[in-house]
Structures are given as structure tokens and as C-alpha cells.
Amino acid sequence: MKKFIMKFCGSLFLFMSLLIQPISFAAEEENKEKGKTKPKPVYKYVSVEPFVITNFVKDNGNLGFINVEPSIMVLDKHDENTLNRHIPIVKDYFIFMLGSLDESTIKDYKQRNKILQRSKKELQKLFIRETGKPVVQGVLFEKYITQ
């Protein structure tokens, strides 16, 4: 009789553990469906169009020309929509920022990376002021032509 009870209890324990496991998986699936787990970020680049074209003062005092195609990295669709609503402000920022630089800064490759980092920080400040959220995750120039 003791052996029977031990086998019965062991079988009951095994059976119960098999029942509990699917319940925990079902709870995880419910949490995913309810949005309790964080989705992985899906970054997206948004081109600033029409492209930025402005002048700058060359070292010899003449006007130089710069044509830039900036792309802004955002986190999700909501940030993309926010950025698209504020494209005129972003374009205005690039026109005035690039127009205020001197020729040596614009034409130096190492300075270009500093321009990108500065643009990211300044655009984040701009979006915090406008929307309360730093929408910009990154900035890159797809086209950078000077003359």
C-alpha cells in the first residue's frame, strides 16, 4: 500500500508540474499581448527634403556653396510623425548652422563628424523645447557637397 501511495503521489506531482508549465507559458503570452514586455526599438531614418542648400563665407571673403542631404534617425513611427511635422524647423536649423561655419570647418572631414554630433545635440534640445521629447536619435549626411 505504501508503494502504491508513493507511486500515486509521484505521478500526481509529475502530472501537476506538466499542467502548471503551460499555464505559465500562457501567462507570458498574455503579458506580451497586453504589451507588458518592451518591444525592441525599430530605428528609422527620415530624409530632410527638399535638401539643404546654403552659402557660407570662404576664407578669401567670397561666398561658398554647400548642398547637404541630412537624414535624422528616430525611434518609432510616432517620432517619425513628430519629426515630419517639424521638418521646417529642422531645415531652418541646418541652413543657419551651416551658413555660420567657416570654410575650413566645412571642408575638414574630422570637423564634419563634430558637426553631426553638434547637430544631434542641438536638434534634441530643439525637440525637447517644442514637443517635450528628444525625438532625434542620430544625424547623418547622405550627401555633402561643397564648392
Protein backbone atom coordinates (compact mmCIF):
# COMPACT_ATOMS: atom_id res chain seq x y z
CA MET A 1 0.00 0.00 0.00
CA LYS A 2 2.88 2.36 0.80
CA LYS A 3 4.43 1.76 -2.62
CA PHE A 4 1.11 2.47 -4.27
CA ILE A 5 0.74 5.78 -2.39
CA MET A 6 4.35 6.77 -3.25
CA LYS A 7 3.82 5.99 -6.94
CA PHE A 8 0.47 7.78 -6.91
CA CYS A 9 1.98 10.89 -5.24
CA GLY A 10 4.93 10.86 -7.67
CA SER A 11 2.59 10.54 -10.64
CA LEU A 12 0.33 13.26 -9.25
CA PHE A 13 3.33 15.59 -8.76
CA LEU A 14 4.55 14.93 -12.32
CA PHE A 15 1.07 15.46 -13.72
CA MET A 16 0.61 18.75 -11.79
CA SER A 17 4.01 20.07 -12.88
CA LEU A 18 3.10 19.40 -16.51
CA LEU A 19 -0.16 21.30 -16.03
CA ILE A 20 1.49 24.31 -14.37
CA GLN A 21 4.11 24.80 -17.09
CA PRO A 22 1.60 25.52 -19.91
CA ILE A 23 -0.22 27.91 -17.58
CA SER A 24 2.98 29.93 -17.07
CA PHE A 25 3.60 30.00 -20.84
CA ALA A 26 0.02 31.15 -21.35
CA ALA A 27 0.57 33.94 -18.79
CA GLU A 28 3.71 35.06 -20.68
CA GLU A 29 1.76 35.14 -23.94
CA GLU A 30 -1.00 37.20 -22.29
CA ASN A 31 1.60 39.67 -20.98
CA LYS A 32 3.10 40.00 -24.47
CA GLU A 33 -0.34 40.60 -25.95
CA LYS A 34 -1.14 43.22 -23.30
CA GLY A 35 2.12 44.99 -24.06
CA LYS A 36 3.85 44.39 -20.73
CA THR A 37 7.09 43.36 -22.42
CA LYS A 38 9.11 46.08 -24.08
CA PRO A 39 9.24 45.84 -27.85
CA LYS A 40 12.64 46.15 -29.46
CA PRO A 41 13.24 49.60 -30.91
CA VAL A 42 12.88 49.90 -34.66
CA TYR A 43 15.08 52.78 -35.78
CA LYS A 44 14.23 54.60 -38.96
CA TYR A 45 15.99 57.30 -40.94
CA VAL A 46 13.92 60.21 -42.23
CA SER A 47 15.36 62.37 -45.02
CA VAL A 48 15.02 66.11 -44.72
CA GLU A 49 13.55 67.11 -48.08
CA PRO A 50 13.97 69.28 -50.01
CA PHE A 51 17.67 69.10 -49.33
CA VAL A 52 19.52 71.86 -47.53
CA ILE A 53 21.33 74.31 -49.80
CA THR A 54 23.02 77.37 -48.33
CA ASN A 55 26.02 79.66 -48.66
CA PHE A 56 28.97 80.18 -46.37
CA VAL A 57 31.80 82.72 -46.34
CA LYS A 58 35.07 81.36 -47.72
CA ASP A 59 38.44 82.26 -46.23
CA ASN A 60 39.08 84.72 -49.09
CA GLY A 61 35.78 86.55 -48.42
CA ASN A 62 33.84 85.08 -51.35
CA LEU A 63 30.69 83.07 -50.92
CA GLY A 64 30.90 79.29 -50.93
CA PHE A 65 28.08 76.85 -51.63
CA ILE A 66 27.07 73.79 -49.61
CA ASN A 67 24.46 71.18 -50.51
CA VAL A 68 23.60 68.73 -47.73
CA GLU A 69 21.12 65.85 -47.59
CA PRO A 70 20.60 65.21 -43.86
CA SER A 71 18.85 62.12 -42.53
CA ILE A 72 17.51 62.01 -38.99
CA MET A 73 17.31 58.73 -37.06
CA VAL A 74 14.15 58.29 -34.99
CA LEU A 75 12.98 55.53 -32.67
CA ASP A 76 9.49 54.67 -33.89
CA LYS A 77 6.53 55.68 -36.08
CA HIS A 78 5.29 58.22 -33.53
CA ASP A 79 8.67 60.00 -33.52
CA GLU A 80 8.73 59.87 -37.32
CA ASN A 81 5.35 61.63 -37.47
CA THR A 82 6.54 64.22 -34.95
CA LEU A 83 9.69 64.84 -36.98
CA ASN A 84 7.72 65.17 -40.21
CA ARG A 85 5.50 67.83 -38.60
CA HIS A 86 8.62 69.80 -37.60
CA ILE A 87 10.71 69.46 -40.79
CA PRO A 88 10.62 73.24 -41.49
CA ILE A 89 12.27 73.93 -38.10
CA VAL A 90 14.88 71.20 -38.72
CA LYS A 91 15.67 72.57 -42.16
CA ASP A 92 15.93 76.10 -40.77
CA TYR A 93 18.37 74.86 -38.12
CA PHE A 94 20.64 73.28 -40.77
CA ILE A 95 20.57 76.35 -43.02
CA PHE A 96 21.60 78.74 -40.25
CA MET A 97 24.07 76.36 -38.60
CA LEU A 98 25.89 75.52 -41.85
CA GLY A 99 25.79 79.13 -43.03
CA SER A 100 27.53 80.26 -39.85
CA LEU A 101 30.52 77.91 -40.27
CA ASP A 102 33.79 78.91 -41.92
CA GLU A 103 35.33 77.21 -44.95
CA SER A 104 37.98 75.24 -43.04
CA THR A 105 35.35 73.74 -40.73
CA ILE A 106 33.02 72.81 -43.58
CA LYS A 107 35.71 71.20 -45.74
CA ASP A 108 37.53 69.27 -42.98
CA TYR A 109 36.39 65.63 -42.69
CA LYS A 110 37.06 65.41 -38.94
CA GLN A 111 35.06 68.59 -38.37
CA ARG A 112 32.18 67.05 -40.29
CA ASN A 113 31.78 64.41 -37.58
CA LYS A 114 31.75 67.15 -34.96
CA ILE A 115 29.08 68.94 -36.98
CA LEU A 116 26.96 65.75 -36.92
CA GLN A 117 27.35 65.35 -33.15
CA ARG A 118 26.59 69.02 -32.53
CA SER A 119 23.55 68.78 -34.82
CA LYS A 120 22.21 65.80 -32.90
CA LYS A 121 22.54 67.58 -29.55
CA GLU A 122 21.06 70.85 -30.80
CA LEU A 123 18.15 69.12 -32.55
CA GLN A 124 17.40 67.13 -29.39
CA LYS A 125 17.29 70.40 -27.43
CA LEU A 126 15.05 71.91 -30.09
CA PHE A 127 12.62 68.97 -29.96
CA ILE A 128 12.56 68.95 -26.17
CA ARG A 129 11.59 72.63 -26.30
CA GLU A 130 8.96 72.05 -29.00
CA THR A 131 7.49 68.65 -28.04
CA GLY A 132 8.90 67.73 -24.63
CA LYS A 133 10.72 64.69 -26.06
CA PRO A 134 14.19 64.31 -27.67
CA VAL A 135 12.88 62.78 -30.90
CA VAL A 136 16.28 62.75 -32.67
CA GLN A 137 18.40 59.63 -32.06
CA GLY A 138 21.07 60.40 -34.63
CA VAL A 139 22.01 62.54 -37.64
CA LEU A 140 23.93 61.68 -40.79
CA PHE A 141 24.63 63.38 -44.08
CA GLU A 142 23.85 61.22 -47.12
CA LYS A 143 25.17 63.90 -49.44
CA TYR A 144 27.68 66.63 -48.53
CA ILE A 145 28.83 68.77 -51.45
CA THR A 146 30.81 72.00 -51.12
CA GLN A 147 32.06 74.38 -53.75
